[in-house]
C-alpha atoms as a PDB file:
ATOM      1  CA  MET A   1     -13.384 -23.842 -40.716  1.00  0.00           C
ATOM      2  CA  GLY A   2     -15.171 -24.886 -37.647  1.00  0.00           C
ATOM      3  CA  PRO A   3     -18.499 -23.982 -35.911  1.00  0.00           C
ATOM      4  CA  PHE A   4     -18.192 -21.961 -32.938  1.00  0.00           C
ATOM      5  CA  GLY A   5     -21.248 -20.755 -30.954  1.00  0.00           C
ATOM      6  CA  GLY A   6     -23.128 -20.557 -34.445  1.00  0.00           C
ATOM      7  CA  ILE A   7     -20.135 -18.269 -35.760  1.00  0.00           C
ATOM      8  CA  THR A   8     -17.853 -19.627 -38.572  1.00  0.00           C
ATOM      9  CA  ILE A   9     -14.215 -18.722 -37.627  1.00  0.00           C
ATOM     10  CA  TYR A  10     -11.383 -18.249 -40.309  1.00  0.00           C
ATOM     11  CA  ASP A  11      -7.854 -17.621 -39.925  1.00  0.00           C
ATOM     12  CA  ALA A  12      -7.203 -14.857 -42.140  1.00  0.00           C
ATOM     13  CA  SER A  13      -3.488 -15.657 -42.785  1.00  0.00           C
ATOM     14  CA  ASN A  14      -4.679 -19.467 -44.172  1.00  0.00           C
ATOM     15  CA  PRO A  15      -8.463 -19.886 -44.913  1.00  0.00           C
ATOM     16  CA  ALA A  16      -7.908 -23.726 -44.702  1.00  0.00           C
ATOM     17  CA  THR A  17      -6.627 -23.740 -41.157  1.00  0.00           C
ATOM     18  CA  TYR A  18      -9.104 -24.873 -38.412  1.00  0.00           C
ATOM     19  CA  ARG A  19      -9.282 -23.409 -35.217  1.00  0.00           C
ATOM     20  CA  SER A  20     -11.215 -24.667 -32.270  1.00  0.00           C
ATOM     21  CA  PRO A  21     -12.237 -22.491 -29.308  1.00  0.00           C
ATOM     22  CA  GLU A  22      -8.930 -23.438 -27.403  1.00  0.00           C
ATOM     23  CA  ASP A  23      -6.925 -22.717 -30.553  1.00  0.00           C
ATOM     24  CA  PHE A  24      -8.354 -19.322 -30.835  1.00  0.00           C
ATOM     25  CA  ARG A  25      -7.648 -18.754 -27.175  1.00  0.00           C
ATOM     26  CA  ARG A  26      -4.131 -19.620 -27.549  1.00  0.00           C
ATOM     27  CA  ALA A  27      -3.685 -17.672 -30.824  1.00  0.00           C
ATOM     28  CA  HIS A  28      -5.286 -14.596 -29.248  1.00  0.00           C
ATOM     29  CA  GLN A  29      -3.032 -15.112 -26.121  1.00  0.00           C
ATOM     30  CA  ASN A  30       0.074 -15.419 -28.596  1.00  0.00           C
ATOM     31  CA  PHE A  31      -1.105 -12.189 -30.608  1.00  0.00           C
ATOM     32  CA  ILE A  32      -1.050 -10.230 -27.219  1.00  0.00           C
ATOM     33  CA  LEU A  33       2.275 -11.683 -26.232  1.00  0.00           C
ATOM     34  CA  GLU A  34       3.776 -10.786 -29.862  1.00  0.00           C
ATOM     35  CA  ILE A  35       2.497  -7.065 -29.382  1.00  0.00           C
ATOM     36  CA  ALA A  36       3.843  -7.182 -26.166  1.00  0.00           C
ATOM     37  CA  ALA A  37       7.271  -8.273 -27.329  1.00  0.00           C
ATOM     38  CA  GLU A  38       7.125  -5.621 -29.987  1.00  0.00           C
ATOM     39  CA  GLN A  39       6.403  -2.974 -28.054  1.00  0.00           C
ATOM     40  CA  ALA A  40       9.192  -3.888 -25.705  1.00  0.00           C
ATOM     41  CA  THR A  41      11.577  -4.057 -28.645  1.00  0.00           C
ATOM     42  CA  MET A  42      10.421  -0.541 -29.717  1.00  0.00           C
ATOM     43  CA  ASP A  43      10.661   0.741 -25.971  1.00  0.00           C
ATOM     44  CA  GLN A  44      14.463  -0.948 -26.009  1.00  0.00           C
ATOM     45  CA  VAL A  45      15.292   0.689 -29.255  1.00  0.00           C
ATOM     46  CA  ALA A  46      13.986   3.962 -28.491  1.00  0.00           C
ATOM     47  CA  ASP A  47      15.880   3.942 -24.929  1.00  0.00           C
ATOM     48  CA  ASP A  48      19.255   2.818 -26.457  1.00  0.00           C
ATOM     49  CA  THR A  49      18.932   5.928 -29.092  1.00  0.00           C
ATOM     50  CA  GLY A  50      17.708   8.296 -26.940  1.00  0.00           C
ATOM     51  CA  GLY A  51      14.086   8.542 -28.373  1.00  0.00           C
ATOM     52  CA  HIS A  52      10.654   7.513 -27.659  1.00  0.00           C
ATOM     53  CA  ALA A  53       8.349   5.075 -28.816  1.00  0.00           C
ATOM     54  CA  PHE A  54       4.567   5.745 -29.664  1.00  0.00           C
ATOM     55  CA  TYR A  55       1.890   2.961 -30.291  1.00  0.00           C
ATOM     56  CA  ASN A  56      -1.701   2.199 -29.446  1.00  0.00           C
ATOM     57  CA  THR A  57      -2.601   5.378 -30.628  1.00  0.00           C
ATOM     58  CA  ASN A  58      -4.516   6.926 -33.629  1.00  0.00           C
ATOM     59  CA  GLY A  59      -3.443  10.618 -32.306  1.00  0.00           C
ATOM     60  CA  LEU A  60      -0.994  10.756 -34.787  1.00  0.00           C
ATOM     61  CA  SER A  61      -0.695  14.838 -34.370  1.00  0.00           C
ATOM     62  CA  ASP A  62      -0.417  14.415 -30.703  1.00  0.00           C
ATOM     63  CA  ALA A  63       2.420  11.940 -31.032  1.00  0.00           C
ATOM     64  CA  ILE A  64       4.243  14.210 -33.468  1.00  0.00           C
ATOM     65  CA  ALA A  65       3.513  17.247 -31.129  1.00  0.00           C
ATOM     66  CA  THR A  66       5.012  15.462 -28.220  1.00  0.00           C
ATOM     67  CA  SER A  67       7.890  14.039 -30.347  1.00  0.00           C
ATOM     68  CA  THR A  68       8.832  17.628 -31.734  1.00  0.00           C
ATOM     69  CA  GLU A  69       8.473  19.305 -28.158  1.00  0.00           C
ATOM     70  CA  ASP A  70      10.736  16.663 -26.849  1.00  0.00           C
ATOM     71  CA  GLY A  71      13.314  17.270 -29.497  1.00  0.00           C
ATOM     72  CA  SER A  72      13.050  20.933 -29.325  1.00  0.00           C
ATOM     73  CA  ASN A  73      15.240  21.217 -26.012  1.00  0.00           C
ATOM     74  CA  TYR A  74      18.356  19.306 -25.426  1.00  0.00           C
ATOM     75  CA  PHE A  75      21.904  19.618 -24.529  1.00  0.00           C
ATOM     76  CA  THR A  76      24.840  18.512 -26.908  1.00  0.00           C
ATOM     77  CA  LEU A  77      27.488  16.404 -25.137  1.00  0.00           C
ATOM     78  CA  GLY A  78      30.879  15.104 -26.460  1.00  0.00           C
ATOM     79  CA  TYR A  79      33.816  13.074 -25.494  1.00  0.00           C
ATOM     80  CA  THR A  80      36.907  11.529 -26.883  1.00  0.00           C
ATOM     81  CA  PRO A  81      37.184   7.716 -25.924  1.00  0.00           C
ATOM     82  CA  SER A  82      40.280   7.096 -23.904  1.00  0.00           C
ATOM     83  CA  ASN A  83      40.280   3.524 -25.406  1.00  0.00           C
ATOM     84  CA  THR A  84      41.809   4.161 -28.724  1.00  0.00           C
ATOM     85  CA  LYS A  85      41.580   0.424 -30.035  1.00  0.00           C
ATOM     86  CA  PHE A  86      38.655   0.599 -32.312  1.00  0.00           C
ATOM     87  CA  ASP A  87      38.093  -3.069 -33.002  1.00  0.00           C
ATOM     88  CA  GLY A  88      34.222  -3.125 -33.626  1.00  0.00           C
ATOM     89  CA  ARG A  89      32.816  -4.115 -30.678  1.00  0.00           C
ATOM     90  CA  LEU A  90      30.119  -2.296 -28.778  1.00  0.00           C
ATOM     91  CA  ARG A  91      30.761   0.281 -26.132  1.00  0.00           C
ATOM     92  CA  LYS A  92      28.402   1.465 -23.669  1.00  0.00           C
ATOM     93  CA  ILE A  93      27.526   5.136 -22.760  1.00  0.00           C
ATOM     94  CA  ARG A  94      26.280   6.179 -19.268  1.00  0.00           C
ATOM     95  CA  VAL A  95      25.460   9.838 -18.457  1.00  0.00           C
ATOM     96  CA  GLN A  96      24.686  10.704 -14.915  1.00  0.00           C
ATOM     97  CA  LEU A  97      23.204  13.517 -13.044  1.00  0.00           C
ATOM     98  CA  SER A  98      24.514  15.177  -9.684  1.00  0.00           C
ATOM     99  CA  HIS A  99      20.585  15.188  -8.437  1.00  0.00           C
ATOM    100  CA  GLY A 100      18.259  12.526  -8.876  1.00  0.00           C
ATOM    101  CA  GLY A 101      14.574  13.226  -9.995  1.00  0.00           C
ATOM    102  CA  ASP A 102      15.273  13.192 -13.775  1.00  0.00           C
ATOM    103  CA  HIS A 103      14.985  11.000 -16.780  1.00  0.00           C
ATOM    104  CA  LEU A 104      17.798  11.211 -19.392  1.00  0.00           C
ATOM    105  CA  ALA A 105      16.999  10.426 -22.712  1.00  0.00           C
ATOM    106  CA  TYR A 106      20.156   9.863 -24.708  1.00  0.00           C
ATOM    107  CA  ARG A 107      22.170   6.997 -27.007  1.00  0.00           C
ATOM    108  CA  HIS A 108      23.312   4.178 -24.629  1.00  0.00           C
ATOM    109  CA  SER A 109      25.988   2.705 -26.976  1.00  0.00           C
ATOM    110  CA  TYR A 110      28.254   2.824 -30.159  1.00  0.00           C
ATOM    111  CA  LEU A 111      30.115   0.749 -32.211  1.00  0.00           C
ATOM    112  CA  ALA A 112      34.125   1.321 -32.103  1.00  0.00           C
ATOM    113  CA  ASP A 113      34.331   0.978 -35.944  1.00  0.00           C
ATOM    114  CA  ASP A 114      37.776   1.682 -37.390  1.00  0.00           C
ATOM    115  CA  SER A 115      36.694   2.190 -40.706  1.00  0.00           C
ATOM    116  CA  ALA A 116      33.959   4.749 -39.635  1.00  0.00           C
ATOM    117  CA  VAL A 117      36.331   6.472 -37.418  1.00  0.00           C
ATOM    118  CA  GLU A 118      38.713   7.206 -40.102  1.00  0.00           C
ATOM    119  CA  GLN A 119      36.036   8.388 -42.508  1.00  0.00           C
ATOM    120  CA  SER A 120      34.665  10.359 -39.878  1.00  0.00           C
ATOM    121  CA  ALA A 121      38.174  11.903 -38.784  1.00  0.00           C
ATOM    122  CA  ALA A 122      38.593  12.608 -42.793  1.00  0.00           C
ATOM    123  CA  ASN A 123      34.899  14.315 -43.093  1.00  0.00           C
ATOM    124  CA  ALA A 124      34.888  15.776 -39.322  1.00  0.00           C
ATOM    125  CA  ALA A 125      35.760  19.465 -40.018  1.00  0.00           C
ATOM    126  CA  THR A 126      33.745  19.540 -43.266  1.00  0.00           C
ATOM    127  CA  MET A 127      30.805  18.004 -41.500  1.00  0.00           C
ATOM    128  CA  ARG A 128      31.135  20.233 -38.454  1.00  0.00           C
ATOM    129  CA  LEU A 129      30.952  23.541 -40.981  1.00  0.00           C
ATOM    130  CA  GLN A 130      28.041  21.819 -42.675  1.00  0.00           C
ATOM    131  CA  VAL A 131      26.018  21.804 -39.410  1.00  0.00           C
ATOM    132  CA  ALA A 132      26.964  25.128 -38.461  1.00  0.00           C
ATOM    133  CA  LEU A 133      25.907  26.359 -41.384  1.00  0.00           C
ATOM    134  CA  ARG A 134      22.667  24.538 -41.912  1.00  0.00           C
ATOM    135  CA  ARG A 135      19.194  26.801 -41.297  1.00  0.00           C
ATOM    136  CA  GLY A 136      17.451  26.014 -38.135  1.00  0.00           C
ATOM    137  CA  ALA A 137      20.178  24.069 -36.540  1.00  0.00           C
ATOM    138  CA  PRO A 138      21.608  24.669 -33.193  1.00  0.00           C
ATOM    139  CA  LEU A 139      23.819  27.564 -33.180  1.00  0.00           C
ATOM    140  CA  ALA A 140      27.770  26.919 -32.712  1.00  0.00           C
ATOM    141  CA  GLN A 141      28.511  28.766 -29.340  1.00  0.00           C
ATOM    142  CA  GLU A 142      32.247  27.892 -29.100  1.00  0.00           C
ATOM    143  CA  LEU A 143      33.087  31.345 -30.188  1.00  0.00           C
ATOM    144  CA  SER A 144      30.821  34.081 -28.692  1.00  0.00           C
ATOM    145  CA  LEU A 145      29.852  35.895 -31.857  1.00  0.00           C
ATOM    146  CA  GLN A 146      27.950  38.963 -32.551  1.00  0.00           C
ATOM    147  CA  ALA A 147      26.990  40.238 -36.087  1.00  0.00           C
ATOM    148  CA  ARG A 148      25.469  43.327 -37.324  1.00  0.00           C
ATOM    149  CA  ILE A 149      24.149  43.507 -40.783  1.00  0.00           C
ATOM    150  CA  THR A 150      23.640  46.670 -42.935  1.00  0.00           C
ATOM    151  CA  PRO A 151      22.300  46.710 -46.521  1.00  0.00           C
ATOM    152  CA  GLN A 152      24.245  48.939 -48.732  1.00  0.00           C
ATOM    153  CA  GLY A 153      22.126  50.516 -51.423  1.00  0.00           C
ATOM    154  CA  ARG A 154      19.204  48.878 -53.287  1.00  0.00           C
ATOM    155  CA  ALA A 155      19.262  45.821 -54.766  1.00  0.00           C
ATOM    156  CA  LYS A 156      20.111  45.500 -58.455  1.00  0.00           C
ATOM    157  CA  ALA A 157      19.620  43.068 -61.509  1.00  0.00           C
ATOM    158  CA  ALA A 158      21.526  39.846 -61.378  1.00  0.00           C
ATOM    159  CA  THR A 159      24.275  39.543 -63.760  1.00  0.00           C
ATOM    160  CA  LYS A 160      24.758  36.447 -66.017  1.00  0.00           C
ATOM    161  CA  GLU A 161      27.697  35.594 -64.022  1.00  0.00           C
ATOM    162  CA  GLU A 162      25.494  35.890 -60.728  1.00  0.00           C
ATOM    163  CA  ILE A 163      22.843  33.734 -62.504  1.00  0.00           C
ATOM    164  CA  ALA A 164      25.256  30.970 -63.569  1.00  0.00           C
ATOM    165  CA  GLN A 165      26.225  30.642 -60.134  1.00  0.00           C
ATOM    166  CA  LEU A 166      22.902  31.007 -58.237  1.00  0.00           C
ATOM    167  CA  ALA A 167      21.696  28.127 -60.751  1.00  0.00           C
ATOM    168  CA  GLN A 168      23.730  25.395 -58.846  1.00  0.00           C
ATOM    169  CA  PHE A 169      21.774  25.832 -55.477  1.00  0.00           C
ATOM    170  CA  PRO A 170      18.414  24.130 -54.713  1.00  0.00           C
ATOM    171  CA  ALA A 171      16.297  26.913 -54.646  1.00  0.00           C
ATOM    172  CA  TYR A 172      16.981  28.000 -58.514  1.00  0.00           C
ATOM    173  CA  ASN A 173      18.099  24.836 -60.153  1.00  0.00           C
ATOM    174  CA  SER A 174      14.926  24.419 -61.541  1.00  0.00           C
ATOM    175  CA  ARG A 175      14.191  28.131 -62.506  1.00  0.00           C
ATOM    176  CA  LYS A 176      13.585  29.220 -65.977  1.00  0.00           C
ATOM    177  CA  LYS A 177      12.900  32.948 -65.865  1.00  0.00           C
ATOM    178  CA  TRP A 178      15.344  35.406 -64.077  1.00  0.00           C
ATOM    179  CA  ASP A 179      14.079  38.614 -64.986  1.00  0.00           C
ATOM    180  CA  ALA A 180      12.756  38.987 -61.105  1.00  0.00           C
ATOM    181  CA  VAL A 181      15.784  38.067 -59.363  1.00  0.00           C
ATOM    182  CA  ARG A 182      17.787  40.653 -58.015  1.00  0.00           C
ATOM    183  CA  ILE A 183      21.007  40.970 -55.724  1.00  0.00           C
ATOM    184  CA  GLN A 184      21.237  42.745 -52.698  1.00  0.00           C
ATOM    185  CA  ARG A 185      24.689  44.006 -51.127  1.00  0.00           C
ATOM    186  CA  TYR A 186      25.205  43.487 -47.179  1.00  0.00           C
ATOM    187  CA  SER A 187      28.002  44.720 -44.833  1.00  0.00           C
ATOM    188  CA  LEU A 188      28.320  42.086 -42.050  1.00  0.00           C
ATOM    189  CA  GLU A 189      30.423  43.356 -38.816  1.00  0.00           C
ATOM    190  CA  TYR A 190      31.532  40.926 -36.670  1.00  0.00           C
ATOM    191  CA  ALA A 191      32.266  40.899 -32.766  1.00  0.00           C
ATOM    192  CA  ILE A 192      34.365  38.020 -31.146  1.00  0.00           C
ATOM    193  CA  GLU A 193      34.897  37.920 -27.413  1.00  0.00           C
ATOM    194  CA  GLY A 194      38.928  38.541 -27.601  1.00  0.00           C
ATOM    195  CA  SER A 195      39.785  35.931 -24.617  1.00  0.00           C
ATOM    196  CA  GLN A 196      38.350  33.023 -26.836  1.00  0.00           C
ATOM    197  CA  VAL A 197      40.476  33.899 -30.026  1.00  0.00           C
ATOM    198  CA  ALA A 198      43.776  31.894 -30.488  1.00  0.00           C
ATOM    199  CA  LEU A 199      46.779  33.803 -31.728  1.00  0.00           C
ATOM    200  CA  GLU A 200      50.211  32.730 -33.145  1.00  0.00           C
ATOM    201  CA  PRO A 201      53.294  34.175 -34.041  1.00  0.00           C
ATOM    202  CA  ALA A 202      53.523  36.165 -37.115  1.00  0.00           C
ATOM    203  CA  GLU A 203      56.582  36.037 -39.936  1.00  0.00           C
ATOM    204  CA  GLU A 204      56.864  39.754 -39.813  1.00  0.00           C
ATOM    205  CA  GLY A 205      56.587  39.891 -36.085  1.00  0.00           C
ATOM    206  CA  GLY A 206      53.860  40.110 -33.417  1.00  0.00           C
ATOM    207  CA  LEU A 207      50.762  37.794 -33.590  1.00  0.00           C
ATOM    208  CA  HIS A 208      48.118  37.212 -35.916  1.00  0.00           C
ATOM    209  CA  ALA A 209      44.714  35.340 -35.942  1.00  0.00           C
ATOM    210  CA  LYS A 210      43.336  32.956 -38.606  1.00  0.00           C
ATOM    211  CA  PHE A 211      39.566  33.076 -39.702  1.00  0.00           C
ATOM    212  CA  GLU A 212      37.295  31.455 -41.846  1.00  0.00           C
ATOM    213  CA  ILE A 213      34.144  32.733 -42.885  1.00  0.00           C
ATOM    214  CA  LEU A 214      30.981  30.826 -44.147  1.00  0.00           C
ATOM    215  CA  ILE A 215      27.659  32.147 -45.229  1.00  0.00           C
ATOM    216  CA  GLY A 216      24.458  30.494 -46.275  1.00  0.00           C
ATOM    217  CA  ALA A 217      21.232  32.078 -47.834  1.00  0.00           C
ATOM    218  CA  TYR A 218      17.798  30.363 -47.477  1.00  0.00           C
ATOM    219  CA  ASP A 219      14.440  30.871 -48.783  1.00  0.00           C
ATOM    220  CA  GLU A 220      11.033  30.637 -46.466  1.00  0.00           C
ATOM    221  CA  GLU A 221      11.160  26.849 -47.452  1.00  0.00           C
ATOM    222  CA  ASN A 222      14.682  26.480 -45.984  1.00  0.00           C
ATOM    223  CA  ARG A 223      16.028  25.690 -49.403  1.00  0.00           C
ATOM    224  CA  THR A 224      19.654  26.939 -50.096  1.00  0.00           C
ATOM    225  CA  MET A 225      19.544  30.207 -52.365  1.00  0.00           C
ATOM    226  CA  PHE A 226      23.393  31.040 -52.187  1.00  0.00           C
ATOM    227  CA  GLY A 227      26.335  29.558 -50.204  1.00  0.00           C
ATOM    228  CA  TYR A 228      29.730  31.187 -49.714  1.00  0.00           C
ATOM    229  CA  ARG A 229      33.128  29.836 -48.005  1.00  0.00           C
ATOM    230  CA  SER A 230      36.177  31.901 -47.608  1.00  0.00           C
ATOM    231  CA  PRO A 231      38.888  30.209 -50.110  1.00  0.00           C
ATOM    232  CA  LEU A 232      41.552  30.366 -47.502  1.00  0.00           C
ATOM    233  CA  GLU A 233      42.046  31.097 -43.875  1.00  0.00           C
ATOM    234  CA  ARG A 234      42.243  34.802 -43.806  1.00  0.00           C
ATOM    235  CA  MET A 235      45.244  36.158 -41.167  1.00  0.00           C
ATOM    236  CA  TYR A 236      44.654  39.141 -39.869  1.00  0.00           C
ATOM    237  CA  LEU A 237      47.795  40.861 -37.681  1.00  0.00           C
ATOM    238  CA  VAL A 238      47.207  41.849 -33.990  1.00  0.00           C
ATOM    239  CA  LYS A 239      49.006  45.036 -33.048  1.00  0.00           C
ATOM    240  CA  ASN A 240      48.174  44.918 -29.333  1.00  0.00           C
ATOM    241  CA  ALA A 241      47.352  41.411 -28.122  1.00  0.00           C
ATOM    242  CA  ASP A 242      46.340  42.603 -24.658  1.00  0.00           C
ATOM    243  CA  GLU A 243      43.764  45.014 -26.019  1.00  0.00           C
ATOM    244  CA  VAL A 244      42.139  42.230 -28.308  1.00  0.00           C
ATOM    245  CA  LEU A 245      42.263  39.639 -25.056  1.00  0.00           C
ATOM    246  CA  LYS A 246      40.505  42.104 -22.778  1.00  0.00           C
ATOM    247  CA  GLY A 247      37.984  43.091 -25.296  1.00  0.00           C
ATOM    248  CA  SER A 248      36.457  42.185 -28.783  1.00  0.00           C
ATOM    249  CA  PHE A 249      37.950  41.051 -31.961  1.00  0.00           C
ATOM    250  CA  HIS A 250      36.273  42.815 -34.753  1.00  0.00           C
ATOM    251  CA  LEU A 251      35.652  41.838 -38.413  1.00  0.00           C
ATOM    252  CA  ARG A 252      33.908  43.106 -41.314  1.00  0.00           C
ATOM    253  CA  HIS A 253      32.932  41.242 -44.487  1.00  0.00           C
ATOM    254  CA  MET A 254      31.054  42.205 -47.565  1.00  0.00           C
ATOM    255  CA  VAL A 255      28.276  39.824 -49.169  1.00  0.00           C
ATOM    256  CA  GLU A 256      25.934  39.947 -51.999  1.00  0.00           C
ATOM    257  CA  ILE A 257      23.120  37.461 -51.949  1.00  0.00           C
ATOM    258  CA  PRO A 258      19.535  37.025 -53.320  1.00  0.00           C
ATOM    259  CA  SER A 259      17.167  40.185 -52.344  1.00  0.00           C
ATOM    260  CA  GLU A 260      14.327  37.494 -51.868  1.00  0.00           C
ATOM    261  CA  ALA A 261      16.179  35.505 -49.212  1.00  0.00           C
ATOM    262  CA  ALA A 262      14.439  34.891 -45.985  1.00  0.00           C
ATOM    263  CA  TRP A 263      17.554  33.671 -43.993  1.00  0.00           C
ATOM    264  CA  LEU A 264      20.888  34.403 -43.473  1.00  0.00           C
ATOM    265  CA  ARG A 265      23.269  31.992 -41.576  1.00  0.00           C
ATOM    266  CA  VAL A 266      26.602  32.919 -40.983  1.00  0.00           C
ATOM    267  CA  ALA A 267      29.648  30.932 -39.466  1.00  0.00           C
ATOM    268  CA  VAL A 268      33.138  32.171 -38.160  1.00  0.00           C
ATOM    269  CA  ARG A 269      35.849  29.567 -37.536  1.00  0.00           C
ATOM    270  CA  ASP A 270      39.020  30.558 -35.694  1.00  0.00           C
ATOM    271  CA  ALA A 271      41.362  28.309 -37.830  1.00  0.00           C
ATOM    272  CA  ILE A 272      43.928  28.307 -35.099  1.00  0.00           C
ATOM    273  CA  GLY A 273      42.086  27.456 -32.017  1.00  0.00           C
ATOM    274  CA  ASP A 274      39.505  25.445 -34.115  1.00  0.00           C
ATOM    275  CA  ARG A 275      36.716  27.196 -32.407  1.00  0.00           C
ATOM    276  CA  LEU A 276      33.228  27.904 -34.362  1.00  0.00           C
ATOM    277  CA  GLY A 277      30.531  30.368 -33.478  1.00  0.00           C
ATOM    278  CA  SER A 278      27.401  31.286 -35.509  1.00  0.00           C
ATOM    279  CA  VAL A 279      24.578  33.649 -35.997  1.00  0.00           C
ATOM    280  CA  GLU A 280      21.085  33.194 -37.817  1.00  0.00           C
ATOM    281  CA  ILE A 281      19.596  36.323 -39.113  1.00  0.00           C
ATOM    282  CA  PRO A 282      16.075  36.825 -40.456  1.00  0.00           C
ATOM    283  CA  LEU A 283      15.842  38.598 -43.773  1.00  0.00           C
ATOM    284  CA  PRO A 284      15.460  41.166 -45.342  1.00  0.00           C
ATOM    285  CA  VAL A 285      16.750  43.706 -43.177  1.00  0.00           C
ATOM    286  CA  ALA A 286      15.952  47.603 -43.750  1.00  0.00           C
ATOM    287  CA  VAL A 287      17.837  48.598 -40.919  1.00  0.00           C
ATOM    288  CA  LYS A 288      20.939  48.114 -38.858  1.00  0.00           C
ATOM    289  CA  LEU A 289      20.013  45.301 -36.577  1.00  0.00           C
ATOM    290  CA  PRO A 290      22.232  43.356 -33.992  1.00  0.00           C
ATOM    291  CA  VAL A 291      21.852  39.753 -33.739  1.00  0.00           C
ATOM    292  CA  ARG A 292      23.274  37.848 -30.777  1.00  0.00           C
ATOM    293  CA  ALA A 293      24.322  33.993 -30.996  1.00  0.00           C
ATOM    294  CA  SER A 294      22.552  33.637 -27.982  1.00  0.00           C
ATOM    295  CA  ARG A 295      19.242  33.586 -29.454  1.00  0.00           C
ATOM    296  CA  MET A 296      17.628  33.320 -33.126  1.00  0.00           C
ATOM    297  CA  LEU A 297      15.079  35.979 -34.176  1.00  0.00           C
ATOM    298  CA  ARG A 298      12.368  35.882 -36.546  1.00  0.00           C
END
């Protein structure tokens, strides 16, 4: 240690290190440069990944609010690279607007990893459906889907078979008593814009469509209470293709879910055209309520 203006100065990282005033000045300058370098790195990482770096602030709540606001409004863009040689190299991504004056925050690069591509291709269909069914996620808009939900009678006590099924889901996996759990039956009616539905020839003649239906029920804490996926891509015979293409394709589905569910998420996939649409419905429902995919109601 050494004297400096009557004050003893210590290097906190090593108490045995002596610092003269010049050493102290250089150390302070290096400290500022290190902070600047760290902030530059944070800015670069945030910019490369489409984010924003926060530092030099104790206003954590303001930073979180700003981050939440920024992340609440966005567009999803996708593309298939024309270069099919996945050699693990870094590839750049650039998005431009036709007009100036706006700042774009997006991921600027990706690794062309062949193993990742193979794994992604194997799981892409399942992951896409899981995201479409996730509570609070952006709605799938590839199919213009409308849904109407109507309760069928009153809720009933859960059977042993239903309890065994519900016990597998996060909202119930630690539950001990089931007396209060009741099951409500709902009728779900779907209307899909006919021009978006792909048709193919049926063996018995004419045309048919194929649809896959997925349903997820969630509690107030967004924990999954119940989930359903149609076991097969169900086929629907089309009697008048022109009428369907000019109008809407209508489906009806019955579902039984816990009466205490707060949200119902429904996804419908056109298995021939591989298009997906989803809606999110607040529960419980006492009367018929049309729900459009263009907005989420609470």
